[in-house]
C-alpha atoms as a PDB file:
ATOM      1  CA  UNK A   1     161.471  34.352 243.643  1.00  0.00           C
ATOM      2  CA  UNK A   2     161.880  35.904 247.069  1.00  0.00           C
ATOM      3  CA  UNK A   3     162.920  39.564 246.809  1.00  0.00           C
ATOM      4  CA  UNK A   4     165.157  39.337 249.870  1.00  0.00           C
ATOM      5  CA  UNK A   5     166.995  36.470 248.179  1.00  0.00           C
ATOM      6  CA  UNK A   6     167.723  38.756 245.223  1.00  0.00           C
ATOM      7  CA  UNK A   7     169.584  41.177 247.504  1.00  0.00           C
ATOM      8  CA  UNK A   8     171.470  38.306 249.106  1.00  0.00           C
ATOM      9  CA  UNK A   9     172.427  37.023 245.658  1.00  0.00           C
ATOM     10  CA  UNK A  10     173.566  40.526 244.736  1.00  0.00           C
ATOM     11  CA  UNK A  11     175.843  40.726 247.776  1.00  0.00           C
ATOM     12  CA  UNK A  12     177.393  37.385 246.922  1.00  0.00           C
ATOM     13  CA  UNK A  13     177.865  38.444 243.278  1.00  0.00           C
ATOM     14  CA  UNK A  14     179.600  41.667 244.350  1.00  0.00           C
ATOM     15  CA  UNK A  15     181.868  39.774 246.714  1.00  0.00           C
ATOM     16  CA  UNK A  16     182.741  37.182 244.068  1.00  0.00           C
ATOM     17  CA  UNK A  17     183.658  39.874 241.538  1.00  0.00           C
ATOM     18  CA  UNK A  18     185.807  41.789 244.015  1.00  0.00           C
ATOM     19  CA  UNK A  19     187.688  38.611 244.940  1.00  0.00           C
ATOM     20  CA  UNK A  20     188.863  38.392 241.357  1.00  0.00           C
ATOM     21  CA  UNK A  21     189.364  42.114 240.694  1.00  0.00           C
ATOM     22  CA  UNK A  22     189.354  44.855 243.351  1.00  0.00           C
ATOM     23  CA  UNK A  23     188.664  47.452 240.647  1.00  0.00           C
ATOM     24  CA  UNK A  24     185.929  45.535 238.825  1.00  0.00           C
ATOM     25  CA  UNK A  25     183.067  47.927 239.552  1.00  0.00           C
ATOM     26  CA  UNK A  26     185.220  51.039 239.317  1.00  0.00           C
ATOM     27  CA  UNK A  27     186.230  49.980 235.799  1.00  0.00           C
ATOM     28  CA  UNK A  28     182.656  49.014 234.945  1.00  0.00           C
ATOM     29  CA  UNK A  29     181.459  52.494 235.878  1.00  0.00           C
ATOM     30  CA  UNK A  30     183.772  54.180 233.366  1.00  0.00           C
ATOM     31  CA  UNK A  31     181.561  53.394 230.374  1.00  0.00           C
ATOM     32  CA  UNK A  32     180.534  50.737 227.904  1.00  0.00           C
ATOM     33  CA  UNK A  33     181.802  49.730 224.485  1.00  0.00           C
ATOM     34  CA  UNK A  34     179.884  46.573 223.516  1.00  0.00           C
ATOM     35  CA  UNK A  35     180.391  45.200 220.023  1.00  0.00           C
ATOM     36  CA  UNK A  36     177.014  43.442 219.899  1.00  0.00           C
ATOM     37  CA  UNK A  37     173.407  44.613 219.976  1.00  0.00           C
ATOM     38  CA  UNK A  38     171.185  41.717 221.051  1.00  0.00           C
ATOM     39  CA  UNK A  39     167.472  42.016 220.224  1.00  0.00           C
ATOM     40  CA  UNK A  40     165.571  39.259 221.987  1.00  0.00           C
ATOM     41  CA  UNK A  41     162.314  38.219 223.615  1.00  0.00           C
ATOM     42  CA  UNK A  42     161.233  39.290 227.099  1.00  0.00           C
ATOM     43  CA  UNK A  43     160.450  35.661 228.001  1.00  0.00           C
ATOM     44  CA  UNK A  44     161.827  34.978 231.492  1.00  0.00           C
ATOM     45  CA  UNK A  45     163.404  31.714 230.298  1.00  0.00           C
ATOM     46  CA  UNK A  46     165.549  33.389 227.655  1.00  0.00           C
ATOM     47  CA  UNK A  47     168.062  35.747 229.230  1.00  0.00           C
ATOM     48  CA  UNK A  48     170.641  37.155 226.851  1.00  0.00           C
ATOM     49  CA  UNK A  49     173.659  36.957 229.152  1.00  0.00           C
ATOM     50  CA  UNK A  50     172.841  33.478 230.418  1.00  0.00           C
ATOM     51  CA  UNK A  51     172.484  31.777 227.043  1.00  0.00           C
ATOM     52  CA  UNK A  52     175.463  33.558 225.471  1.00  0.00           C
ATOM     53  CA  UNK A  53     177.863  33.449 228.416  1.00  0.00           C
ATOM     54  CA  UNK A  54     178.268  37.231 228.190  1.00  0.00           C
ATOM     55  CA  UNK A  55     179.422  39.443 231.046  1.00  0.00           C
ATOM     56  CA  UNK A  56     178.403  43.003 231.980  1.00  0.00           C
ATOM     57  CA  UNK A  57     179.598  45.332 229.250  1.00  0.00           C
ATOM     58  CA  UNK A  58     179.817  42.639 226.553  1.00  0.00           C
ATOM     59  CA  UNK A  59     176.455  43.129 224.843  1.00  0.00           C
ATOM     60  CA  UNK A  60     173.837  45.870 224.541  1.00  0.00           C
ATOM     61  CA  UNK A  61     170.439  44.239 225.088  1.00  0.00           C
ATOM     62  CA  UNK A  62     166.929  45.141 223.962  1.00  0.00           C
ATOM     63  CA  UNK A  63     164.079  42.771 224.753  1.00  0.00           C
ATOM     64  CA  UNK A  64     160.363  42.841 224.072  1.00  0.00           C
ATOM     65  CA  UNK A  65     157.539  40.386 223.373  1.00  0.00           C
ATOM     66  CA  UNK A  66     158.569  38.105 220.475  1.00  0.00           C
ATOM     67  CA  UNK A  67     161.754  40.077 219.638  1.00  0.00           C
ATOM     68  CA  UNK A  68     159.963  42.565 217.407  1.00  0.00           C
ATOM     69  CA  UNK A  69     161.568  45.481 215.527  1.00  0.00           C
ATOM     70  CA  UNK A  70     158.708  47.781 214.570  1.00  0.00           C
ATOM     71  CA  UNK A  71     159.232  51.019 212.663  1.00  0.00           C
ATOM     72  CA  UNK A  72     156.658  52.793 214.853  1.00  0.00           C
ATOM     73  CA  UNK A  73     158.117  51.545 218.142  1.00  0.00           C
ATOM     74  CA  UNK A  74     160.261  54.368 219.484  1.00  0.00           C
ATOM     75  CA  UNK A  75     161.882  51.948 221.911  1.00  0.00           C
ATOM     76  CA  UNK A  76     163.386  49.645 219.304  1.00  0.00           C
ATOM     77  CA  UNK A  77     164.208  52.504 216.923  1.00  0.00           C
ATOM     78  CA  UNK A  78     165.958  54.494 219.658  1.00  0.00           C
ATOM     79  CA  UNK A  79     167.954  51.429 220.683  1.00  0.00           C
ATOM     80  CA  UNK A  80     169.062  50.862 217.082  1.00  0.00           C
ATOM     81  CA  UNK A  81     170.097  54.497 216.677  1.00  0.00           C
ATOM     82  CA  UNK A  82     172.009  54.590 219.946  1.00  0.00           C
ATOM     83  CA  UNK A  83     173.707  51.223 219.425  1.00  0.00           C
ATOM     84  CA  UNK A  84     174.756  51.847 215.816  1.00  0.00           C
ATOM     85  CA  UNK A  85     175.537  55.572 215.822  1.00  0.00           C
ATOM     86  CA  UNK A  86     176.852  56.145 219.335  1.00  0.00           C
ATOM     87  CA  UNK A  87     178.067  52.771 220.619  1.00  0.00           C
ATOM     88  CA  UNK A  88     179.149  51.752 217.110  1.00  0.00           C
ATOM     89  CA  UNK A  89     178.324  48.086 217.579  1.00  0.00           C
ATOM     90  CA  UNK A  90     179.726  45.738 214.955  1.00  0.00           C
ATOM     91  CA  UNK A  91     177.051  43.028 215.162  1.00  0.00           C
ATOM     92  CA  UNK A  92     173.268  43.108 215.494  1.00  0.00           C
ATOM     93  CA  UNK A  93     171.716  39.782 216.433  1.00  0.00           C
ATOM     94  CA  UNK A  94     167.951  39.178 216.459  1.00  0.00           C
ATOM     95  CA  UNK A  95     167.246  36.152 218.649  1.00  0.00           C
ATOM     96  CA  UNK A  96     163.898  34.390 218.713  1.00  0.00           C
ATOM     97  CA  UNK A  97     163.085  31.186 220.558  1.00  0.00           C
ATOM     98  CA  UNK A  98     160.906  28.137 220.178  1.00  0.00           C
ATOM     99  CA  UNK A  99     157.883  27.954 222.484  1.00  0.00           C
ATOM    100  CA  UNK A 100     157.493  31.726 222.286  1.00  0.00           C
ATOM    101  CA  UNK A 101     154.189  32.767 223.826  1.00  0.00           C
ATOM    102  CA  UNK A 102     153.899  35.858 221.624  1.00  0.00           C
ATOM    103  CA  UNK A 103     154.247  33.893 218.402  1.00  0.00           C
ATOM    104  CA  UNK A 104     151.864  31.234 219.683  1.00  0.00           C
ATOM    105  CA  UNK A 105     149.278  33.868 220.607  1.00  0.00           C
ATOM    106  CA  UNK A 106     149.541  35.403 217.126  1.00  0.00           C
ATOM    107  CA  UNK A 107     148.655  32.040 215.571  1.00  0.00           C
ATOM    108  CA  UNK A 108     145.368  31.886 217.468  1.00  0.00           C
ATOM    109  CA  UNK A 109     142.074  33.545 216.530  1.00  0.00           C
ATOM    110  CA  UNK A 110     141.401  35.347 219.779  1.00  0.00           C
ATOM    111  CA  UNK A 111     140.732  38.885 220.970  1.00  0.00           C
ATOM    112  CA  UNK A 112     143.631  39.689 223.294  1.00  0.00           C
ATOM    113  CA  UNK A 113     142.760  43.309 223.914  1.00  0.00           C
ATOM    114  CA  UNK A 114     145.673  45.763 223.880  1.00  0.00           C
ATOM    115  CA  UNK A 115     147.943  42.978 222.605  1.00  0.00           C
ATOM    116  CA  UNK A 116     146.006  42.839 219.312  1.00  0.00           C
ATOM    117  CA  UNK A 117     147.857  45.643 217.454  1.00  0.00           C
ATOM    118  CA  UNK A 118     151.202  44.351 218.702  1.00  0.00           C
ATOM    119  CA  UNK A 119     150.537  40.748 217.669  1.00  0.00           C
ATOM    120  CA  UNK A 120     149.286  41.958 214.304  1.00  0.00           C
ATOM    121  CA  UNK A 121     152.921  42.456 213.335  1.00  0.00           C
ATOM    122  CA  UNK A 122     153.534  38.737 213.825  1.00  0.00           C
ATOM    123  CA  UNK A 123     150.340  37.894 211.963  1.00  0.00           C
ATOM    124  CA  UNK A 124     151.670  40.010 209.100  1.00  0.00           C
ATOM    125  CA  UNK A 125     154.713  37.733 209.035  1.00  0.00           C
ATOM    126  CA  UNK A 126     152.351  34.769 208.739  1.00  0.00           C
ATOM    127  CA  UNK A 127     150.507  36.487 205.888  1.00  0.00           C
ATOM    128  CA  UNK A 128     153.769  37.107 204.019  1.00  0.00           C
ATOM    129  CA  UNK A 129     154.687  33.424 204.297  1.00  0.00           C
ATOM    130  CA  UNK A 130     151.175  31.946 204.316  1.00  0.00           C
ATOM    131  CA  UNK A 131     151.769  29.521 201.464  1.00  0.00           C
ATOM    132  CA  UNK A 132     154.815  27.937 203.096  1.00  0.00           C
ATOM    133  CA  UNK A 133     153.293  27.842 206.575  1.00  0.00           C
ATOM    134  CA  UNK A 134     149.921  26.443 205.511  1.00  0.00           C
ATOM    135  CA  UNK A 135     151.713  23.636 203.710  1.00  0.00           C
ATOM    136  CA  UNK A 136     153.147  22.431 207.045  1.00  0.00           C
ATOM    137  CA  UNK A 137     150.585  19.995 208.450  1.00  0.00           C
ATOM    138  CA  UNK A 138     152.169  19.469 211.857  1.00  0.00           C
ATOM    139  CA  UNK A 139     151.102  22.361 214.076  1.00  0.00           C
ATOM    140  CA  UNK A 140     154.249  22.354 216.230  1.00  0.00           C
ATOM    141  CA  UNK A 141     156.477  22.350 213.157  1.00  0.00           C
ATOM    142  CA  UNK A 142     154.425  25.182 211.642  1.00  0.00           C
ATOM    143  CA  UNK A 143     154.737  27.172 214.852  1.00  0.00           C
ATOM    144  CA  UNK A 144     158.517  26.659 215.008  1.00  0.00           C
ATOM    145  CA  UNK A 145     158.824  27.736 211.396  1.00  0.00           C
ATOM    146  CA  UNK A 146     156.882  30.926 212.151  1.00  0.00           C
ATOM    147  CA  UNK A 147     159.350  31.628 214.980  1.00  0.00           C
ATOM    148  CA  UNK A 148     162.184  31.374 212.435  1.00  0.00           C
ATOM    149  CA  UNK A 149     160.393  33.466 209.817  1.00  0.00           C
ATOM    150  CA  UNK A 150     159.615  36.116 212.418  1.00  0.00           C
ATOM    151  CA  UNK A 151     163.323  36.395 213.231  1.00  0.00           C
ATOM    152  CA  UNK A 152     164.042  36.720 209.514  1.00  0.00           C
ATOM    153  CA  UNK A 153     161.485  39.500 209.057  1.00  0.00           C
ATOM    154  CA  UNK A 154     162.744  41.388 212.110  1.00  0.00           C
ATOM    155  CA  UNK A 155     166.274  41.267 210.663  1.00  0.00           C
ATOM    156  CA  UNK A 156     164.832  42.808 207.499  1.00  0.00           C
ATOM    157  CA  UNK A 157     163.109  45.458 209.636  1.00  0.00           C
ATOM    158  CA  UNK A 158     166.501  46.247 211.158  1.00  0.00           C
ATOM    159  CA  UNK A 159     167.839  46.769 207.635  1.00  0.00           C
ATOM    160  CA  UNK A 160     165.056  49.233 206.843  1.00  0.00           C
ATOM    161  CA  UNK A 161     166.478  51.879 209.188  1.00  0.00           C
ATOM    162  CA  UNK A 162     168.750  54.605 207.834  1.00  0.00           C
ATOM    163  CA  UNK A 163     171.501  54.341 210.460  1.00  0.00           C
ATOM    164  CA  UNK A 164     171.762  50.580 209.918  1.00  0.00           C
ATOM    165  CA  UNK A 165     171.867  50.981 206.129  1.00  0.00           C
ATOM    166  CA  UNK A 166     174.762  53.436 206.390  1.00  0.00           C
ATOM    167  CA  UNK A 167     176.781  51.198 208.707  1.00  0.00           C
ATOM    168  CA  UNK A 168     175.944  48.000 206.815  1.00  0.00           C
ATOM    169  CA  UNK A 169     176.782  49.415 203.384  1.00  0.00           C
ATOM    170  CA  UNK A 170     180.096  50.746 204.668  1.00  0.00           C
ATOM    171  CA  UNK A 171     181.065  47.308 205.938  1.00  0.00           C
ATOM    172  CA  UNK A 172     181.023  48.362 209.586  1.00  0.00           C
ATOM    173  CA  UNK A 173     178.086  46.210 210.629  1.00  0.00           C
ATOM    174  CA  UNK A 174     176.795  42.644 210.261  1.00  0.00           C
ATOM    175  CA  UNK A 175     173.290  41.387 211.039  1.00  0.00           C
ATOM    176  CA  UNK A 176     172.386  37.874 212.152  1.00  0.00           C
ATOM    177  CA  UNK A 177     169.238  35.907 212.919  1.00  0.00           C
ATOM    178  CA  UNK A 178     169.348  33.193 215.579  1.00  0.00           C
ATOM    179  CA  UNK A 179     166.840  30.962 217.343  1.00  0.00           C
ATOM    180  CA  UNK A 180     167.241  29.606 220.868  1.00  0.00           C
ATOM    181  CA  UNK A 181     165.943  26.057 221.271  1.00  0.00           C
ATOM    182  CA  UNK A 182     164.689  25.872 224.840  1.00  0.00           C
ATOM    183  CA  UNK A 183     164.428  22.081 224.740  1.00  0.00           C
ATOM    184  CA  UNK A 184     168.111  21.597 223.964  1.00  0.00           C
ATOM    185  CA  UNK A 185     169.586  24.887 225.220  1.00  0.00           C
ATOM    186  CA  UNK A 186     171.303  25.414 221.877  1.00  0.00           C
ATOM    187  CA  UNK A 187     171.517  28.547 219.755  1.00  0.00           C
ATOM    188  CA  UNK A 188     170.722  28.000 216.069  1.00  0.00           C
ATOM    189  CA  UNK A 189     172.159  30.309 213.410  1.00  0.00           C
ATOM    190  CA  UNK A 190     169.575  30.770 210.643  1.00  0.00           C
ATOM    191  CA  UNK A 191     172.512  31.555 208.346  1.00  0.00           C
ATOM    192  CA  UNK A 192     170.807  34.468 206.615  1.00  0.00           C
ATOM    193  CA  UNK A 193     172.500  36.142 203.656  1.00  0.00           C
ATOM    194  CA  UNK A 194     171.935  39.759 204.646  1.00  0.00           C
ATOM    195  CA  UNK A 195     173.662  41.116 201.550  1.00  0.00           C
ATOM    196  CA  UNK A 196     170.979  39.442 199.438  1.00  0.00           C
ATOM    197  CA  UNK A 197     168.265  40.672 201.802  1.00  0.00           C
ATOM    198  CA  UNK A 198     169.628  44.210 201.425  1.00  0.00           C
ATOM    199  CA  UNK A 199     169.466  43.961 197.631  1.00  0.00           C
ATOM    200  CA  UNK A 200     165.882  42.695 197.835  1.00  0.00           C
ATOM    201  CA  UNK A 201     164.601  45.639 199.867  1.00  0.00           C
ATOM    202  CA  UNK A 202     166.662  48.530 198.495  1.00  0.00           C
ATOM    203  CA  UNK A 203     164.250  49.466 195.707  1.00  0.00           C
ATOM    204  CA  UNK A 204     161.576  50.339 198.258  1.00  0.00           C
ATOM    205  CA  UNK A 205     163.382  50.943 201.542  1.00  0.00           C
ATOM    206  CA  UNK A 206     166.543  52.727 200.431  1.00  0.00           C
ATOM    207  CA  UNK A 207     167.109  55.691 202.759  1.00  0.00           C
ATOM    208  CA  UNK A 208     170.802  56.450 202.516  1.00  0.00           C
END
């Protein structure tokens, strides 16, 4: 994409917003109070605002390769802390997508250099669900299922953090796992029962 075109698009966007509301950007500059934290993939085809129809200020967004929530990643942990404690979001949504390059790479036996320790987290998801995944003979179906299971495990990783446990147990926060189907453009709710997930992990991961 031509960089000059980006600036032209920006000018048009500014003009379009000001046609509707003269104070749009002045109001936008006063602060944010989003109710949703969106944790998604960095894939250029899967933009949070585009697929959800959100506008600036609607959602707080964190994206990385394969929508991971790692306990040793200061980026994701800082985002969770800021979103839950300071922004006081009411919903956390982990959104994976089919045809995810990170998940696909994790399914292959290949040395990918500095990506190896990162992709190991996804391979750990495969190990946890090896019996189910190995029983799927169709490779594409197995890959799509790993995408779904990875979303599920990242939702559980969200639950492992102290600030999330406090907000969740007090009824101030809900957690959801979704998958974006690139081929159809549709969002799929994995319909996870997070109360049951919380019960399952509390014996080991209880922090609050």
